[in-house]
Each structure stands twice: as C-alpha cells, then as structure tokens.
Amino acid sequence: MLPESRRLVQLTIKSGDNSMKVMDMLLAKKGAQDRKDWLENKGDLANV
C-alpha cells in the first residue's frame, strides 16, 4: 500500500453478532479460498 493513501480506521465489533467469525476468516493466514468466495459473493456489501 502506498503510504500516501493509507488510513487508520477504528473498528468496533458488537458482541453477539457474526463479526468475530467474519474478521477471523478475512484475516486468517489459511482459508484463502473461503476468503475469495466470500469477497466475490459479499464484497460489495461493505459500508465504509
């Protein structure tokens, strides 16, 4: 990533929802195919 375009954002995770499972899937070293499938199917749902 270019240092000029990087930004730091605060992530707030609510307990009791699916956030931890999704974050684990997105950041895990293994499971690249699961991550690819998820991004292809739900990647456009991000609210940033």
PDB file of N, CA and C in Angstrom:
ATOM      1  N   MET A   1       0.833  -1.185   0.000  1.00  0.00           N
ATOM      2  CA  MET A   1       0.000   0.000   0.000  1.00  0.00           C
ATOM      3  C   MET A   1       0.875   1.244   0.000  1.00  0.00           C
ATOM      4  N   LEU A   2       0.420   2.218  -0.706  1.00  0.00           N
ATOM      5  CA  LEU A   2       1.140   3.482  -0.742  1.00  0.00           C
ATOM      6  C   LEU A   2       0.942   4.231   0.569  1.00  0.00           C
ATOM      7  N   PRO A   3       2.008   4.705   1.188  1.00  0.00           N
ATOM      8  CA  PRO A   3       1.870   5.457   2.441  1.00  0.00           C
ATOM      9  C   PRO A   3       0.962   6.677   2.295  1.00  0.00           C
ATOM     10  N   GLU A   4       0.945   7.291   1.117  1.00  0.00           N
ATOM     11  CA  GLU A   4       0.115   8.483   0.914  1.00  0.00           C
ATOM     12  C   GLU A   4      -1.383   8.164   0.936  1.00  0.00           C
ATOM     13  N   SER A   5      -1.742   6.927   0.604  1.00  0.00           N
ATOM     14  CA  SER A   5      -3.164   6.588   0.523  1.00  0.00           C
ATOM     15  C   SER A   5      -3.647   5.730   1.689  1.00  0.00           C
ATOM     16  N   ARG A   6      -2.736   5.333   2.579  1.00  0.00           N
ATOM     17  CA  ARG A   6      -3.154   4.518   3.730  1.00  0.00           C
ATOM     18  C   ARG A   6      -3.894   5.372   4.739  1.00  0.00           C
ATOM     19  N   ARG A   7      -4.825   4.744   5.446  1.00  0.00           N
ATOM     20  CA  ARG A   7      -5.502   5.444   6.533  1.00  0.00           C
ATOM     21  C   ARG A   7      -5.815   4.456   7.635  1.00  0.00           C
ATOM     22  N   LEU A   8      -5.848   4.942   8.832  1.00  0.00           N
ATOM     23  CA  LEU A   8      -6.132   4.135  10.002  1.00  0.00           C
ATOM     24  C   LEU A   8      -7.568   4.403  10.423  1.00  0.00           C
ATOM     25  N   VAL A   9      -8.345   3.353  10.545  1.00  0.00           N
ATOM     26  CA  VAL A   9      -9.731   3.498  10.980  1.00  0.00           C
ATOM     27  C   VAL A   9      -9.950   2.633  12.209  1.00  0.00           C
ATOM     28  N   GLN A  10     -10.847   3.063  13.071  1.00  0.00           N
ATOM     29  CA  GLN A  10     -11.162   2.299  14.271  1.00  0.00           C
ATOM     30  C   GLN A  10     -12.278   1.317  13.952  1.00  0.00           C
ATOM     31  N   LEU A  11     -12.075   0.083  14.356  1.00  0.00           N
ATOM     32  CA  LEU A  11     -13.054  -0.966  14.125  1.00  0.00           C
ATOM     33  C   LEU A  11     -13.763  -1.268  15.432  1.00  0.00           C
ATOM     34  N   THR A  12     -15.073  -1.201  15.429  1.00  0.00           N
ATOM     35  CA  THR A  12     -15.871  -1.524  16.605  1.00  0.00           C
ATOM     36  C   THR A  12     -16.655  -2.794  16.313  1.00  0.00           C
ATOM     37  N   ILE A  13     -16.492  -3.783  17.174  1.00  0.00           N
ATOM     38  CA  ILE A  13     -17.177  -5.065  16.996  1.00  0.00           C
ATOM     39  C   ILE A  13     -18.193  -5.231  18.110  1.00  0.00           C
ATOM     40  N   LYS A  14     -19.435  -5.473  17.732  1.00  0.00           N
ATOM     41  CA  LYS A  14     -20.502  -5.693  18.706  1.00  0.00           C
ATOM     42  C   LYS A  14     -20.504  -7.156  19.124  1.00  0.00           C
ATOM     43  N   SER A  15     -20.680  -7.388  20.397  1.00  0.00           N
ATOM     44  CA  SER A  15     -20.738  -8.781  20.854  1.00  0.00           C
ATOM     45  C   SER A  15     -22.088  -9.382  20.475  1.00  0.00           C
ATOM     46  N   GLY A  16     -22.068 -10.680  20.220  1.00  0.00           N
ATOM     47  CA  GLY A  16     -23.310 -11.369  19.907  1.00  0.00           C
ATOM     48  C   GLY A  16     -23.644 -11.429  18.428  1.00  0.00           C
ATOM     49  N   ASP A  17     -22.838 -10.806  17.589  1.00  0.00           N
ATOM     50  CA  ASP A  17     -23.115 -10.935  16.162  1.00  0.00           C
ATOM     51  C   ASP A  17     -22.012 -11.756  15.501  1.00  0.00           C
ATOM     52  N   ASN A  18     -21.985 -11.788  14.218  1.00  0.00           N
ATOM     53  CA  ASN A  18     -21.091 -12.651  13.450  1.00  0.00           C
ATOM     54  C   ASN A  18     -19.741 -11.984  13.148  1.00  0.00           C
ATOM     55  N   SER A  19     -19.483 -10.821  13.714  1.00  0.00           N
ATOM     56  CA  SER A  19     -18.302 -10.027  13.361  1.00  0.00           C
ATOM     57  C   SER A  19     -16.986 -10.749  13.593  1.00  0.00           C
ATOM     58  N   MET A  20     -16.823 -11.397  14.729  1.00  0.00           N
ATOM     59  CA  MET A  20     -15.559 -12.069  15.037  1.00  0.00           C
ATOM     60  C   MET A  20     -15.284 -13.198  14.049  1.00  0.00           C
ATOM     61  N   LYS A  21     -16.318 -13.938  13.686  1.00  0.00           N
ATOM     62  CA  LYS A  21     -16.152 -15.036  12.730  1.00  0.00           C
ATOM     63  C   LYS A  21     -15.726 -14.498  11.363  1.00  0.00           C
ATOM     64  N   VAL A  22     -16.348 -13.421  10.927  1.00  0.00           N
ATOM     65  CA  VAL A  22     -16.016 -12.824   9.633  1.00  0.00           C
ATOM     66  C   VAL A  22     -14.603 -12.245   9.662  1.00  0.00           C
ATOM     67  N   MET A  23     -14.241 -11.539  10.728  1.00  0.00           N
ATOM     68  CA  MET A  23     -12.899 -10.964  10.826  1.00  0.00           C
ATOM     69  C   MET A  23     -11.841 -12.056  10.842  1.00  0.00           C
ATOM     70  N   ASP A  24     -12.100 -13.134  11.541  1.00  0.00           N
ATOM     71  CA  ASP A  24     -11.162 -14.251  11.573  1.00  0.00           C
ATOM     72  C   ASP A  24     -10.978 -14.832  10.173  1.00  0.00           C
ATOM     73  N   MET A  25     -12.072 -14.977   9.442  1.00  0.00           N
ATOM     74  CA  MET A  25     -11.997 -15.511   8.089  1.00  0.00           C
ATOM     75  C   MET A  25     -11.217 -14.561   7.169  1.00  0.00           C
ATOM     76  N   LEU A  26     -11.422 -13.261   7.312  1.00  0.00           N
ATOM     77  CA  LEU A  26     -10.759 -12.293   6.446  1.00  0.00           C
ATOM     78  C   LEU A  26      -9.272 -12.133   6.751  1.00  0.00           C
ATOM     79  N   LEU A  27      -8.881 -12.307   8.016  1.00  0.00           N
ATOM     80  CA  LEU A  27      -7.500 -12.039   8.409  1.00  0.00           C
ATOM     81  C   LEU A  27      -6.661 -13.286   8.635  1.00  0.00           C
ATOM     82  N   ALA A  28      -7.268 -14.462   8.594  1.00  0.00           N
ATOM     83  CA  ALA A  28      -6.531 -15.700   8.860  1.00  0.00           C
ATOM     84  C   ALA A  28      -5.512 -15.981   7.759  1.00  0.00           C
ATOM     85  N   LYS A  29      -4.405 -16.610   8.144  1.00  0.00           N
ATOM     86  CA  LYS A  29      -3.379 -16.961   7.159  1.00  0.00           C
ATOM     87  C   LYS A  29      -3.852 -18.091   6.256  1.00  0.00           C
ATOM     88  N   LYS A  30      -4.664 -18.975   6.790  1.00  0.00           N
ATOM     89  CA  LYS A  30      -5.201 -20.081   5.988  1.00  0.00           C
ATOM     90  C   LYS A  30      -6.619 -19.732   5.543  1.00  0.00           C
ATOM     91  N   GLY A  31      -7.148 -20.493   4.629  1.00  0.00           N
ATOM     92  CA  GLY A  31      -8.530 -20.276   4.191  1.00  0.00           C
ATOM     93  C   GLY A  31      -8.657 -19.268   3.069  1.00  0.00           C
ATOM     94  N   ALA A  32      -7.663 -19.195   2.199  1.00  0.00           N
ATOM     95  CA  ALA A  32      -7.702 -18.219   1.107  1.00  0.00           C
ATOM     96  C   ALA A  32      -8.909 -18.435   0.194  1.00  0.00           C
ATOM     97  N   GLN A  33      -9.266 -19.681  -0.061  1.00  0.00           N
ATOM     98  CA  GLN A  33     -10.406 -19.950  -0.943  1.00  0.00           C
ATOM     99  C   GLN A  33     -11.708 -19.488  -0.300  1.00  0.00           C
ATOM    100  N   ASP A  34     -11.864 -19.700   1.012  1.00  0.00           N
ATOM    101  CA  ASP A  34     -13.053 -19.211   1.719  1.00  0.00           C
ATOM    102  C   ASP A  34     -13.137 -17.693   1.629  1.00  0.00           C
ATOM    103  N   ARG A  35     -12.008 -17.026   1.818  1.00  0.00           N
ATOM    104  CA  ARG A  35     -11.950 -15.565   1.744  1.00  0.00           C
ATOM    105  C   ARG A  35     -12.303 -15.086   0.334  1.00  0.00           C
ATOM    106  N   LYS A  36     -11.759 -15.742  -0.677  1.00  0.00           N
ATOM    107  CA  LYS A  36     -12.041 -15.373  -2.071  1.00  0.00           C
ATOM    108  C   LYS A  36     -13.525 -15.538  -2.382  1.00  0.00           C
ATOM    109  N   ASP A  37     -14.101 -16.667  -1.978  1.00  0.00           N
ATOM    110  CA  ASP A  37     -15.528 -16.911  -2.213  1.00  0.00           C
ATOM    111  C   ASP A  37     -16.380 -15.855  -1.526  1.00  0.00           C
ATOM    112  N   TRP A  38     -16.038 -15.535  -0.274  1.00  0.00           N
ATOM    113  CA  TRP A  38     -16.802 -14.546   0.486  1.00  0.00           C
ATOM    114  C   TRP A  38     -16.724 -13.179  -0.187  1.00  0.00           C
ATOM    115  N   LEU A  39     -15.512 -12.778  -0.593  1.00  0.00           N
ATOM    116  CA  LEU A  39     -15.348 -11.475  -1.239  1.00  0.00           C
ATOM    117  C   LEU A  39     -16.096 -11.399  -2.564  1.00  0.00           C
ATOM    118  N   GLU A  40     -16.114 -12.490  -3.321  1.00  0.00           N
ATOM    119  CA  GLU A  40     -16.846 -12.498  -4.587  1.00  0.00           C
ATOM    120  C   GLU A  40     -18.347 -12.375  -4.361  1.00  0.00           C
ATOM    121  N   ASN A  41     -18.862 -13.001  -3.305  1.00  0.00           N
ATOM    122  CA  ASN A  41     -20.301 -13.008  -3.053  1.00  0.00           C
ATOM    123  C   ASN A  41     -20.786 -11.818  -2.240  1.00  0.00           C
ATOM    124  N   LYS A  42     -19.972 -11.313  -1.310  1.00  0.00           N
ATOM    125  CA  LYS A  42     -20.451 -10.288  -0.381  1.00  0.00           C
ATOM    126  C   LYS A  42     -19.552  -9.065  -0.305  1.00  0.00           C
ATOM    127  N   GLY A  43     -18.537  -9.000  -1.129  1.00  0.00           N
ATOM    128  CA  GLY A  43     -17.592  -7.892  -1.067  1.00  0.00           C
ATOM    129  C   GLY A  43     -18.200  -6.529  -1.338  1.00  0.00           C
ATOM    130  N   ASP A  44     -19.291  -6.484  -2.066  1.00  0.00           N
ATOM    131  CA  ASP A  44     -19.924  -5.205  -2.392  1.00  0.00           C
ATOM    132  C   ASP A  44     -20.872  -4.709  -1.303  1.00  0.00           C
ATOM    133  N   LEU A  45     -20.992  -5.446  -0.202  1.00  0.00           N
ATOM    134  CA  LEU A  45     -21.906  -5.063   0.874  1.00  0.00           C
ATOM    135  C   LEU A  45     -21.250  -4.178   1.930  1.00  0.00           C
ATOM    136  N   ALA A  46     -19.969  -3.869   1.764  1.00  0.00           N
ATOM    137  CA  ALA A  46     -19.240  -3.073   2.761  1.00  0.00           C
ATOM    138  C   ALA A  46     -19.852  -1.686   2.894  1.00  0.00           C
ATOM    139  N   ASN A  47     -19.931  -1.221   4.130  1.00  0.00           N
ATOM    140  CA  ASN A  47     -20.438   0.110   4.426  1.00  0.00           C
ATOM    141  C   ASN A  47     -19.307   0.880   5.102  1.00  0.00           C
ATOM    142  N   VAL A  48     -18.550   1.633   4.304  1.00  0.00           N
ATOM    143  CA  VAL A  48     -17.394   2.369   4.831  1.00  0.00           C
ATOM    144  C   VAL A  48     -17.634   3.849   4.799  1.00  0.00           C
TER     145      VAL A  48
END
